[in-house]
């Protein structure tokens, strides 16, 4: 994994952006020069088509984060409350 200090973009972009904030002159494959906001080198680089895949990418990242949170929470609860399993519940019911 590349350290964050090495992965610098040219300008600051909006959060979750896939394109550079400032316009640049870009030469296309057919040698035509245009002024456009080019793709970011690192931000959104995993998206093939940022316009179409952006919402799906955000949703998947959010769901993955929530799933990791739930798993971590369950592991923490299992470590802090190891004796609250089925036996503890059964002994309370029998009283």
PDB file of N, CA and C in Angstrom:
ATOM      1  N   UNK A   1       0.836  -1.170   0.000  1.00  0.00           N
ATOM      2  CA  UNK A   1       0.000   0.000   0.000  1.00  0.00           C
ATOM      3  C   UNK A   1       0.884   1.236   0.000  1.00  0.00           C
ATOM      4  N   UNK A   2       0.531   2.200  -0.817  1.00  0.00           N
ATOM      5  CA  UNK A   2       1.315   3.411  -0.956  1.00  0.00           C
ATOM      6  C   UNK A   2       0.962   4.379   0.176  1.00  0.00           C
ATOM      7  N   UNK A   3       1.968   4.969   0.847  1.00  0.00           N
ATOM      8  CA  UNK A   3       1.676   5.934   1.906  1.00  0.00           C
ATOM      9  C   UNK A   3       0.908   7.148   1.364  1.00  0.00           C
ATOM     10  N   UNK A   4       0.090   7.757   2.212  1.00  0.00           N
ATOM     11  CA  UNK A   4      -0.732   8.877   1.781  1.00  0.00           C
ATOM     12  C   UNK A   4       0.091  10.085   1.343  1.00  0.00           C
ATOM     13  N   UNK A   5       1.239  10.307   1.940  1.00  0.00           N
ATOM     14  CA  UNK A   5       2.030  11.477   1.573  1.00  0.00           C
ATOM     15  C   UNK A   5       2.562  11.387   0.147  1.00  0.00           C
ATOM     16  N   UNK A   6       2.627  10.189  -0.421  1.00  0.00           N
ATOM     17  CA  UNK A   6       3.097  10.007  -1.788  1.00  0.00           C
ATOM     18  C   UNK A   6       1.937  10.150  -2.774  1.00  0.00           C
ATOM     19  N   UNK A   7       0.724   9.901  -2.336  1.00  0.00           N
ATOM     20  CA  UNK A   7      -0.448   9.913  -3.216  1.00  0.00           C
ATOM     21  C   UNK A   7      -1.098  11.297  -3.244  1.00  0.00           C
ATOM     22  N   UNK A   8      -0.426  12.281  -3.784  1.00  0.00           N
ATOM     23  CA  UNK A   8      -0.943  13.638  -3.842  1.00  0.00           C
ATOM     24  C   UNK A   8      -1.609  13.909  -5.182  1.00  0.00           C
ATOM     25  N   UNK A   9      -2.719  14.629  -5.127  1.00  0.00           N
ATOM     26  CA  UNK A   9      -3.382  15.099  -6.334  1.00  0.00           C
ATOM     27  C   UNK A   9      -2.927  16.536  -6.586  1.00  0.00           C
ATOM     28  N   UNK A  10      -3.248  17.095  -7.753  1.00  0.00           N
ATOM     29  CA  UNK A  10      -2.826  18.451  -8.088  1.00  0.00           C
ATOM     30  C   UNK A  10      -3.559  19.513  -7.283  1.00  0.00           C
ATOM     31  N   UNK A  11      -4.867  19.370  -7.112  1.00  0.00           N
ATOM     32  CA  UNK A  11      -5.647  20.344  -6.349  1.00  0.00           C
ATOM     33  C   UNK A  11      -6.583  19.602  -5.410  1.00  0.00           C
ATOM     34  N   UNK A  12      -7.172  20.332  -4.498  1.00  0.00           N
ATOM     35  CA  UNK A  12      -8.206  19.743  -3.650  1.00  0.00           C
ATOM     36  C   UNK A  12      -9.465  19.561  -4.468  1.00  0.00           C
ATOM     37  N   UNK A  13     -10.142  18.483  -4.251  1.00  0.00           N
ATOM     38  CA  UNK A  13     -11.385  18.203  -4.952  1.00  0.00           C
ATOM     39  C   UNK A  13     -12.494  18.042  -3.934  1.00  0.00           C
ATOM     40  N   UNK A  14     -13.694  17.965  -4.424  1.00  0.00           N
ATOM     41  CA  UNK A  14     -14.836  17.740  -3.547  1.00  0.00           C
ATOM     42  C   UNK A  14     -14.727  16.345  -2.938  1.00  0.00           C
ATOM     43  N   UNK A  15     -15.333  16.135  -1.770  1.00  0.00           N
ATOM     44  CA  UNK A  15     -15.318  14.790  -1.194  1.00  0.00           C
ATOM     45  C   UNK A  15     -15.960  13.786  -2.161  1.00  0.00           C
ATOM     46  N   UNK A  16     -15.381  12.637  -2.266  1.00  0.00           N
ATOM     47  CA  UNK A  16     -15.851  11.555  -3.127  1.00  0.00           C
ATOM     48  C   UNK A  16     -15.828  11.925  -4.606  1.00  0.00           C
ATOM     49  N   UNK A  17     -14.976  12.854  -4.999  1.00  0.00           N
ATOM     50  CA  UNK A  17     -14.881  13.283  -6.394  1.00  0.00           C
ATOM     51  C   UNK A  17     -14.053  12.286  -7.203  1.00  0.00           C
ATOM     52  N   UNK A  18     -14.289  12.273  -8.510  1.00  0.00           N
ATOM     53  CA  UNK A  18     -13.514  11.435  -9.411  1.00  0.00           C
ATOM     54  C   UNK A  18     -12.782  12.272 -10.452  1.00  0.00           C
ATOM     55  N   UNK A  19     -13.096  13.573 -10.485  1.00  0.00           N
ATOM     56  CA  UNK A  19     -12.478  14.481 -11.449  1.00  0.00           C
ATOM     57  C   UNK A  19     -11.771  15.611 -10.727  1.00  0.00           C
ATOM     58  N   UNK A  20     -10.732  16.124 -11.349  1.00  0.00           N
ATOM     59  CA  UNK A  20      -9.965  17.232 -10.818  1.00  0.00           C
ATOM     60  C   UNK A  20     -10.836  18.477 -10.744  1.00  0.00           C
ATOM     61  N   UNK A  21     -10.616  19.321  -9.751  1.00  0.00           N
ATOM     62  CA  UNK A  21     -11.427  20.524  -9.558  1.00  0.00           C
ATOM     63  C   UNK A  21     -11.109  21.588 -10.602  1.00  0.00           C
ATOM     64  N   UNK A  22      -9.836  21.742 -10.951  1.00  0.00           N
ATOM     65  CA  UNK A  22      -9.406  22.763 -11.905  1.00  0.00           C
ATOM     66  C   UNK A  22      -9.341  22.181 -13.323  1.00  0.00           C
ATOM     67  N   UNK A  23      -9.716  23.011 -14.288  1.00  0.00           N
ATOM     68  CA  UNK A  23      -9.649  22.564 -15.687  1.00  0.00           C
ATOM     69  C   UNK A  23      -8.212  22.628 -16.192  1.00  0.00           C
ATOM     70  N   UNK A  24      -7.894  21.705 -17.070  1.00  0.00           N
ATOM     71  CA  UNK A  24      -6.575  21.648 -17.693  1.00  0.00           C
ATOM     72  C   UNK A  24      -6.746  21.412 -19.183  1.00  0.00           C
ATOM     73  N   UNK A  25      -5.723  21.760 -19.948  1.00  0.00           N
ATOM     74  CA  UNK A  25      -5.737  21.455 -21.364  1.00  0.00           C
ATOM     75  C   UNK A  25      -5.284  20.012 -21.529  1.00  0.00           C
ATOM     76  N   UNK A  26      -6.149  19.214 -22.121  1.00  0.00           N
ATOM     77  CA  UNK A  26      -5.884  17.785 -22.272  1.00  0.00           C
ATOM     78  C   UNK A  26      -5.900  17.454 -23.757  1.00  0.00           C
ATOM     79  N   UNK A  27      -4.929  16.668 -24.178  1.00  0.00           N
ATOM     80  CA  UNK A  27      -4.879  16.242 -25.576  1.00  0.00           C
ATOM     81  C   UNK A  27      -5.448  14.833 -25.665  1.00  0.00           C
ATOM     82  N   UNK A  28      -6.443  14.668 -26.526  1.00  0.00           N
ATOM     83  CA  UNK A  28      -7.082  13.362 -26.666  1.00  0.00           C
ATOM     84  C   UNK A  28      -6.279  12.478 -27.611  1.00  0.00           C
ATOM     85  N   UNK A  29      -6.761  11.267 -27.802  1.00  0.00           N
ATOM     86  CA  UNK A  29      -6.063  10.300 -28.651  1.00  0.00           C
ATOM     87  C   UNK A  29      -5.986  10.750 -30.105  1.00  0.00           C
ATOM     88  N   UNK A  30      -6.963  11.529 -30.552  1.00  0.00           N
ATOM     89  CA  UNK A  30      -6.953  11.996 -31.944  1.00  0.00           C
ATOM     90  C   UNK A  30      -6.303  13.379 -32.082  1.00  0.00           C
ATOM     91  N   UNK A  31      -5.454  13.744 -31.117  1.00  0.00           N
ATOM     92  CA  UNK A  31      -4.637  14.949 -31.120  1.00  0.00           C
ATOM     93  C   UNK A  31      -5.441  16.248 -31.042  1.00  0.00           C
ATOM     94  N   UNK A  32      -6.639  16.200 -30.485  1.00  0.00           N
ATOM     95  CA  UNK A  32      -7.456  17.387 -30.294  1.00  0.00           C
ATOM     96  C   UNK A  32      -7.268  17.861 -28.856  1.00  0.00           C
ATOM     97  N   UNK A  33      -7.004  19.160 -28.697  1.00  0.00           N
ATOM     98  CA  UNK A  33      -6.812  19.727 -27.356  1.00  0.00           C
ATOM     99  C   UNK A  33      -8.127  20.300 -26.869  1.00  0.00           C
ATOM    100  N   UNK A  34      -8.441  20.002 -25.592  1.00  0.00           N
ATOM    101  CA  UNK A  34      -9.667  20.497 -24.967  1.00  0.00           C
ATOM    102  C   UNK A  34      -9.370  20.935 -23.546  1.00  0.00           C
ATOM    103  N   UNK A  35     -10.199  21.847 -23.034  1.00  0.00           N
ATOM    104  CA  UNK A  35     -10.139  22.237 -21.629  1.00  0.00           C
ATOM    105  C   UNK A  35     -11.185  21.420 -20.892  1.00  0.00           C
ATOM    106  N   UNK A  36     -10.750  20.619 -19.963  1.00  0.00           N
ATOM    107  CA  UNK A  36     -11.685  19.786 -19.206  1.00  0.00           C
ATOM    108  C   UNK A  36     -11.106  19.485 -17.837  1.00  0.00           C
ATOM    109  N   UNK A  37     -11.951  18.962 -16.992  1.00  0.00           N
ATOM    110  CA  UNK A  37     -11.523  18.505 -15.669  1.00  0.00           C
ATOM    111  C   UNK A  37     -11.122  17.039 -15.800  1.00  0.00           C
ATOM    112  N   UNK A  38      -9.824  16.734 -15.784  1.00  0.00           N
ATOM    113  CA  UNK A  38      -9.397  15.341 -15.971  1.00  0.00           C
ATOM    114  C   UNK A  38      -9.700  14.478 -14.750  1.00  0.00           C
ATOM    115  N   UNK A  39      -9.643  13.181 -14.944  1.00  0.00           N
ATOM    116  CA  UNK A  39      -9.856  12.224 -13.854  1.00  0.00           C
ATOM    117  C   UNK A  39      -8.765  12.371 -12.816  1.00  0.00           C
ATOM    118  N   UNK A  40      -9.126  12.150 -11.565  1.00  0.00           N
ATOM    119  CA  UNK A  40      -8.139  12.131 -10.490  1.00  0.00           C
ATOM    120  C   UNK A  40      -7.291  10.867 -10.609  1.00  0.00           C
ATOM    121  N   UNK A  41      -6.080  10.960 -10.178  1.00  0.00           N
ATOM    122  CA  UNK A  41      -5.180   9.813 -10.258  1.00  0.00           C
ATOM    123  C   UNK A  41      -5.546   8.743  -9.232  1.00  0.00           C
ATOM    124  N   UNK A  42      -5.955   9.166  -8.026  1.00  0.00           N
ATOM    125  CA  UNK A  42      -6.238   8.210  -6.961  1.00  0.00           C
ATOM    126  C   UNK A  42      -7.708   8.200  -6.561  1.00  0.00           C
ATOM    127  N   UNK A  43      -8.325   9.347  -6.442  1.00  0.00           N
ATOM    128  CA  UNK A  43      -9.724   9.417  -6.034  1.00  0.00           C
ATOM    129  C   UNK A  43     -10.652   8.877  -7.109  1.00  0.00           C
ATOM    130  N   UNK A  44     -11.424   7.868  -6.785  1.00  0.00           N
ATOM    131  CA  UNK A  44     -12.340   7.278  -7.754  1.00  0.00           C
ATOM    132  C   UNK A  44     -11.651   6.459  -8.821  1.00  0.00           C
ATOM    133  N   UNK A  45     -10.398   6.108  -8.614  1.00  0.00           N
ATOM    134  CA  UNK A  45      -9.658   5.370  -9.640  1.00  0.00           C
ATOM    135  C   UNK A  45     -10.182   3.948  -9.821  1.00  0.00           C
ATOM    136  N   UNK A  46     -10.914   3.436  -8.843  1.00  0.00           N
ATOM    137  CA  UNK A  46     -11.457   2.087  -8.948  1.00  0.00           C
ATOM    138  C   UNK A  46     -12.746   2.049  -9.776  1.00  0.00           C
ATOM    139  N   UNK A  47     -13.281   3.208 -10.143  1.00  0.00           N
ATOM    140  CA  UNK A  47     -14.514   3.265 -10.922  1.00  0.00           C
ATOM    141  C   UNK A  47     -14.191   3.308 -12.408  1.00  0.00           C
ATOM    142  N   UNK A  48     -14.810   2.448 -13.173  1.00  0.00           N
ATOM    143  CA  UNK A  48     -14.598   2.461 -14.624  1.00  0.00           C
ATOM    144  C   UNK A  48     -15.270   3.670 -15.253  1.00  0.00           C
ATOM    145  N   UNK A  49     -16.530   3.892 -14.908  1.00  0.00           N
ATOM    146  CA  UNK A  49     -17.294   5.033 -15.401  1.00  0.00           C
ATOM    147  C   UNK A  49     -17.808   5.790 -14.181  1.00  0.00           C
ATOM    148  N   UNK A  50     -17.102   6.839 -13.736  1.00  0.00           N
ATOM    149  CA  UNK A  50     -17.475   7.514 -12.493  1.00  0.00           C
ATOM    150  C   UNK A  50     -18.889   8.073 -12.490  1.00  0.00           C
ATOM    151  N   UNK A  51     -19.369   8.541 -13.630  1.00  0.00           N
ATOM    152  CA  UNK A  51     -20.719   9.107 -13.673  1.00  0.00           C
ATOM    153  C   UNK A  51     -21.774   8.049 -13.388  1.00  0.00           C
ATOM    154  N   UNK A  52     -21.582   6.846 -13.886  1.00  0.00           N
ATOM    155  CA  UNK A  52     -22.565   5.775 -13.711  1.00  0.00           C
ATOM    156  C   UNK A  52     -22.329   4.972 -12.430  1.00  0.00           C
ATOM    157  N   UNK A  53     -21.083   4.798 -12.036  1.00  0.00           N
ATOM    158  CA  UNK A  53     -20.747   3.906 -10.916  1.00  0.00           C
ATOM    159  C   UNK A  53     -20.591   4.619  -9.580  1.00  0.00           C
ATOM    160  N   UNK A  54     -20.688   5.938  -9.540  1.00  0.00           N
ATOM    161  CA  UNK A  54     -20.413   6.689  -8.310  1.00  0.00           C
ATOM    162  C   UNK A  54     -21.374   6.326  -7.183  1.00  0.00           C
ATOM    163  N   UNK A  55     -22.660   6.351  -7.458  1.00  0.00           N
ATOM    164  CA  UNK A  55     -23.648   6.058  -6.401  1.00  0.00           C
ATOM    165  C   UNK A  55     -23.494   4.624  -5.906  1.00  0.00           C
ATOM    166  N   UNK A  56     -23.268   3.700  -6.814  1.00  0.00           N
ATOM    167  CA  UNK A  56     -23.086   2.291  -6.434  1.00  0.00           C
ATOM    168  C   UNK A  56     -21.824   2.124  -5.585  1.00  0.00           C
ATOM    169  N   UNK A  57     -20.747   2.809  -5.951  1.00  0.00           N
ATOM    170  CA  UNK A  57     -19.505   2.728  -5.186  1.00  0.00           C
ATOM    171  C   UNK A  57     -19.654   3.278  -3.782  1.00  0.00           C
ATOM    172  N   UNK A  58     -20.375   4.397  -3.656  1.00  0.00           N
ATOM    173  CA  UNK A  58     -20.612   4.985  -2.339  1.00  0.00           C
ATOM    174  C   UNK A  58     -21.471   4.049  -1.493  1.00  0.00           C
ATOM    175  N   UNK A  59     -22.513   3.485  -2.103  1.00  0.00           N
ATOM    176  CA  UNK A  59     -23.391   2.558  -1.383  1.00  0.00           C
ATOM    177  C   UNK A  59     -22.626   1.330  -0.906  1.00  0.00           C
ATOM    178  N   UNK A  60     -21.820   0.729  -1.774  1.00  0.00           N
ATOM    179  CA  UNK A  60     -21.058  -0.466  -1.393  1.00  0.00           C
ATOM    180  C   UNK A  60     -20.037  -0.158  -0.293  1.00  0.00           C
ATOM    181  N   UNK A  61     -19.373   0.996  -0.380  1.00  0.00           N
ATOM    182  CA  UNK A  61     -18.407   1.364   0.658  1.00  0.00           C
ATOM    183  C   UNK A  61     -19.112   1.603   1.992  1.00  0.00           C
ATOM    184  N   UNK A  62     -20.294   2.210   1.950  1.00  0.00           N
ATOM    185  CA  UNK A  62     -21.054   2.449   3.169  1.00  0.00           C
ATOM    186  C   UNK A  62     -21.516   1.139   3.792  1.00  0.00           C
ATOM    187  N   UNK A  63     -22.050   0.244   2.972  1.00  0.00           N
ATOM    188  CA  UNK A  63     -22.510  -1.051   3.485  1.00  0.00           C
ATOM    189  C   UNK A  63     -21.356  -1.873   4.051  1.00  0.00           C
ATOM    190  N   UNK A  64     -20.220  -1.826   3.379  1.00  0.00           N
ATOM    191  CA  UNK A  64     -19.050  -2.559   3.866  1.00  0.00           C
ATOM    192  C   UNK A  64     -18.603  -2.007   5.222  1.00  0.00           C
ATOM    193  N   UNK A  65     -18.595  -0.681   5.353  1.00  0.00           N
ATOM    194  CA  UNK A  65     -18.223  -0.067   6.620  1.00  0.00           C
ATOM    195  C   UNK A  65     -19.179  -0.439   7.736  1.00  0.00           C
ATOM    196  N   UNK A  66     -20.476  -0.433   7.445  1.00  0.00           N
ATOM    197  CA  UNK A  66     -21.477  -0.808   8.458  1.00  0.00           C
ATOM    198  C   UNK A  66     -21.330  -2.270   8.859  1.00  0.00           C
ATOM    199  N   UNK A  67     -21.074  -3.139   7.892  1.00  0.00           N
ATOM    200  CA  UNK A  67     -20.874  -4.556   8.192  1.00  0.00           C
ATOM    201  C   UNK A  67     -19.650  -4.751   9.082  1.00  0.00           C
ATOM    202  N   UNK A  68     -18.565  -4.042   8.773  1.00  0.00           N
ATOM    203  CA  UNK A  68     -17.370  -4.125   9.613  1.00  0.00           C
ATOM    204  C   UNK A  68     -17.662  -3.610  11.021  1.00  0.00           C
ATOM    205  N   UNK A  69     -18.471  -2.549  11.125  1.00  0.00           N
ATOM    206  CA  UNK A  69     -18.851  -2.035  12.446  1.00  0.00           C
ATOM    207  C   UNK A  69     -19.626  -3.067  13.250  1.00  0.00           C
ATOM    208  N   UNK A  70     -20.581  -3.735  12.623  1.00  0.00           N
ATOM    209  CA  UNK A  70     -21.403  -4.732  13.326  1.00  0.00           C
ATOM    210  C   UNK A  70     -20.540  -5.908  13.778  1.00  0.00           C
ATOM    211  N   UNK A  71     -19.653  -6.377  12.908  1.00  0.00           N
ATOM    212  CA  UNK A  71     -18.777  -7.492  13.277  1.00  0.00           C
ATOM    213  C   UNK A  71     -17.867  -7.092  14.433  1.00  0.00           C
ATOM    214  N   UNK A  72     -17.298  -5.896  14.379  1.00  0.00           N
ATOM    215  CA  UNK A  72     -16.439  -5.431  15.465  1.00  0.00           C
ATOM    216  C   UNK A  72     -17.230  -5.296  16.765  1.00  0.00           C
ATOM    217  N   UNK A  73     -18.439  -4.768  16.689  1.00  0.00           N
ATOM    218  CA  UNK A  73     -19.290  -4.624  17.871  1.00  0.00           C
ATOM    219  C   UNK A  73     -19.609  -5.991  18.478  1.00  0.00           C
ATOM    220  N   UNK A  74     -19.931  -6.961  17.641  1.00  0.00           N
ATOM    221  CA  UNK A  74     -20.228  -8.300  18.146  1.00  0.00           C
ATOM    222  C   UNK A  74     -19.001  -8.936  18.802  1.00  0.00           C
ATOM    223  N   UNK A  75     -17.834  -8.734  18.214  1.00  0.00           N
ATOM    224  CA  UNK A  75     -16.610  -9.269  18.814  1.00  0.00           C
ATOM    225  C   UNK A  75     -16.315  -8.603  20.157  1.00  0.00           C
ATOM    226  N   UNK A  76     -16.514  -7.308  20.231  1.00  0.00           N
ATOM    227  CA  UNK A  76     -16.296  -6.612  21.502  1.00  0.00           C
ATOM    228  C   UNK A  76     -17.291  -7.072  22.561  1.00  0.00           C
ATOM    229  N   UNK A  77     -18.548  -7.224  22.181  1.00  0.00           N
ATOM    230  CA  UNK A  77     -19.559  -7.697  23.141  1.00  0.00           C
ATOM    231  C   UNK A  77     -19.241  -9.109  23.612  1.00  0.00           C
ATOM    232  N   UNK A  78     -18.774  -9.954  22.716  1.00  0.00           N
ATOM    233  CA  UNK A  78     -18.444 -11.328  23.091  1.00  0.00           C
ATOM    234  C   UNK A  78     -17.268 -11.355  24.060  1.00  0.00           C
ATOM    235  N   UNK A  79     -16.339 -10.415  23.934  1.00  0.00           N
ATOM    236  CA  UNK A  79     -15.189 -10.371  24.836  1.00  0.00           C
ATOM    237  C   UNK A  79     -15.531  -9.751  26.179  1.00  0.00           C
ATOM    238  N   UNK A  80     -16.403  -8.754  26.214  1.00  0.00           N
ATOM    239  CA  UNK A  80     -16.733  -8.086  27.464  1.00  0.00           C
ATOM    240  C   UNK A  80     -17.828  -8.793  28.255  1.00  0.00           C
ATOM    241  N   UNK A  81     -18.686  -9.522  27.578  1.00  0.00           N
ATOM    242  CA  UNK A  81     -19.790 -10.222  28.236  1.00  0.00           C
ATOM    243  C   UNK A  81     -19.792 -11.703  27.859  1.00  0.00           C
ATOM    244  N   UNK A  82     -18.737 -12.441  28.219  1.00  0.00           N
ATOM    245  CA  UNK A  82     -18.655 -13.837  27.783  1.00  0.00           C
ATOM    246  C   UNK A  82     -19.657 -14.762  28.481  1.00  0.00           C
ATOM    247  N   UNK A  83     -20.151 -14.383  29.657  1.00  0.00           N
ATOM    248  CA  UNK A  83     -21.027 -15.288  30.406  1.00  0.00           C
ATOM    249  C   UNK A  83     -22.507 -14.981  30.189  1.00  0.00           C
ATOM    250  N   UNK A  84     -22.855 -14.201  29.229  1.00  0.00           N
ATOM    251  CA  UNK A  84     -24.265 -13.872  28.991  1.00  0.00           C
ATOM    252  C   UNK A  84     -24.842 -14.712  27.859  1.00  0.00           C
ATOM    253  N   UNK A  85     -24.382 -15.920  27.744  1.00  0.00           N
ATOM    254  CA  UNK A  85     -24.883 -16.802  26.693  1.00  0.00           C
ATOM    255  C   UNK A  85     -26.193 -17.460  27.076  1.00  0.00           C
ATOM    256  N   UNK A  86     -26.480 -18.585  26.523  1.00  0.00           N
ATOM    257  CA  UNK A  86     -27.746 -19.300  26.730  1.00  0.00           C
ATOM    258  C   UNK A  86     -27.899 -19.787  28.171  1.00  0.00           C
ATOM    259  N   UNK A  87     -26.811 -20.207  28.800  1.00  0.00           N
ATOM    260  CA  UNK A  87     -26.889 -20.711  30.183  1.00  0.00           C
ATOM    261  C   UNK A  87     -27.320 -19.612  31.151  1.00  0.00           C
ATOM    262  N   UNK A  88     -26.812 -18.407  30.968  1.00  0.00           N
ATOM    263  CA  UNK A  88     -27.194 -17.302  31.847  1.00  0.00           C
ATOM    264  C   UNK A  88     -28.676 -16.991  31.674  1.00  0.00           C
ATOM    265  N   UNK A  89     -29.186 -17.067  30.462  1.00  0.00           N
ATOM    266  CA  UNK A  89     -30.597 -16.803  30.216  1.00  0.00           C
ATOM    267  C   UNK A  89     -31.474 -17.900  30.841  1.00  0.00           C
ATOM    268  N   UNK A  90     -31.067 -19.144  30.696  1.00  0.00           N
ATOM    269  CA  UNK A  90     -31.844 -20.248  31.255  1.00  0.00           C
ATOM    270  C   UNK A  90     -31.899 -20.183  32.776  1.00  0.00           C
ATOM    271  N   UNK A  91     -30.805 -19.804  33.447  1.00  0.00           N
ATOM    272  CA  UNK A  91     -30.805 -19.747  34.907  1.00  0.00           C
ATOM    273  C   UNK A  91     -31.705 -18.633  35.416  1.00  0.00           C
ATOM    274  N   UNK A  92     -31.851 -17.541  34.683  1.00  0.00           N
ATOM    275  CA  UNK A  92     -32.742 -16.463  35.098  1.00  0.00           C
ATOM    276  C   UNK A  92     -34.211 -16.886  34.937  1.00  0.00           C
ATOM    277  N   UNK A  93     -34.525 -17.661  33.932  1.00  0.00           N
ATOM    278  CA  UNK A  93     -35.885 -18.065  33.667  1.00  0.00           C
ATOM    279  C   UNK A  93     -36.355 -19.089  34.711  1.00  0.00           C
ATOM    280  N   UNK A  94     -35.478 -19.968  35.176  1.00  0.00           N
ATOM    281  CA  UNK A  94     -35.837 -21.034  36.101  1.00  0.00           C
ATOM    282  C   UNK A  94     -36.104 -20.510  37.510  1.00  0.00           C
ATOM    283  N   UNK A  95     -35.635 -19.343  37.856  1.00  0.00           N
ATOM    284  CA  UNK A  95     -35.810 -18.834  39.235  1.00  0.00           C
ATOM    285  C   UNK A  95     -37.193 -18.502  39.567  1.00  0.00           C
TER     286      UNK A  95
END
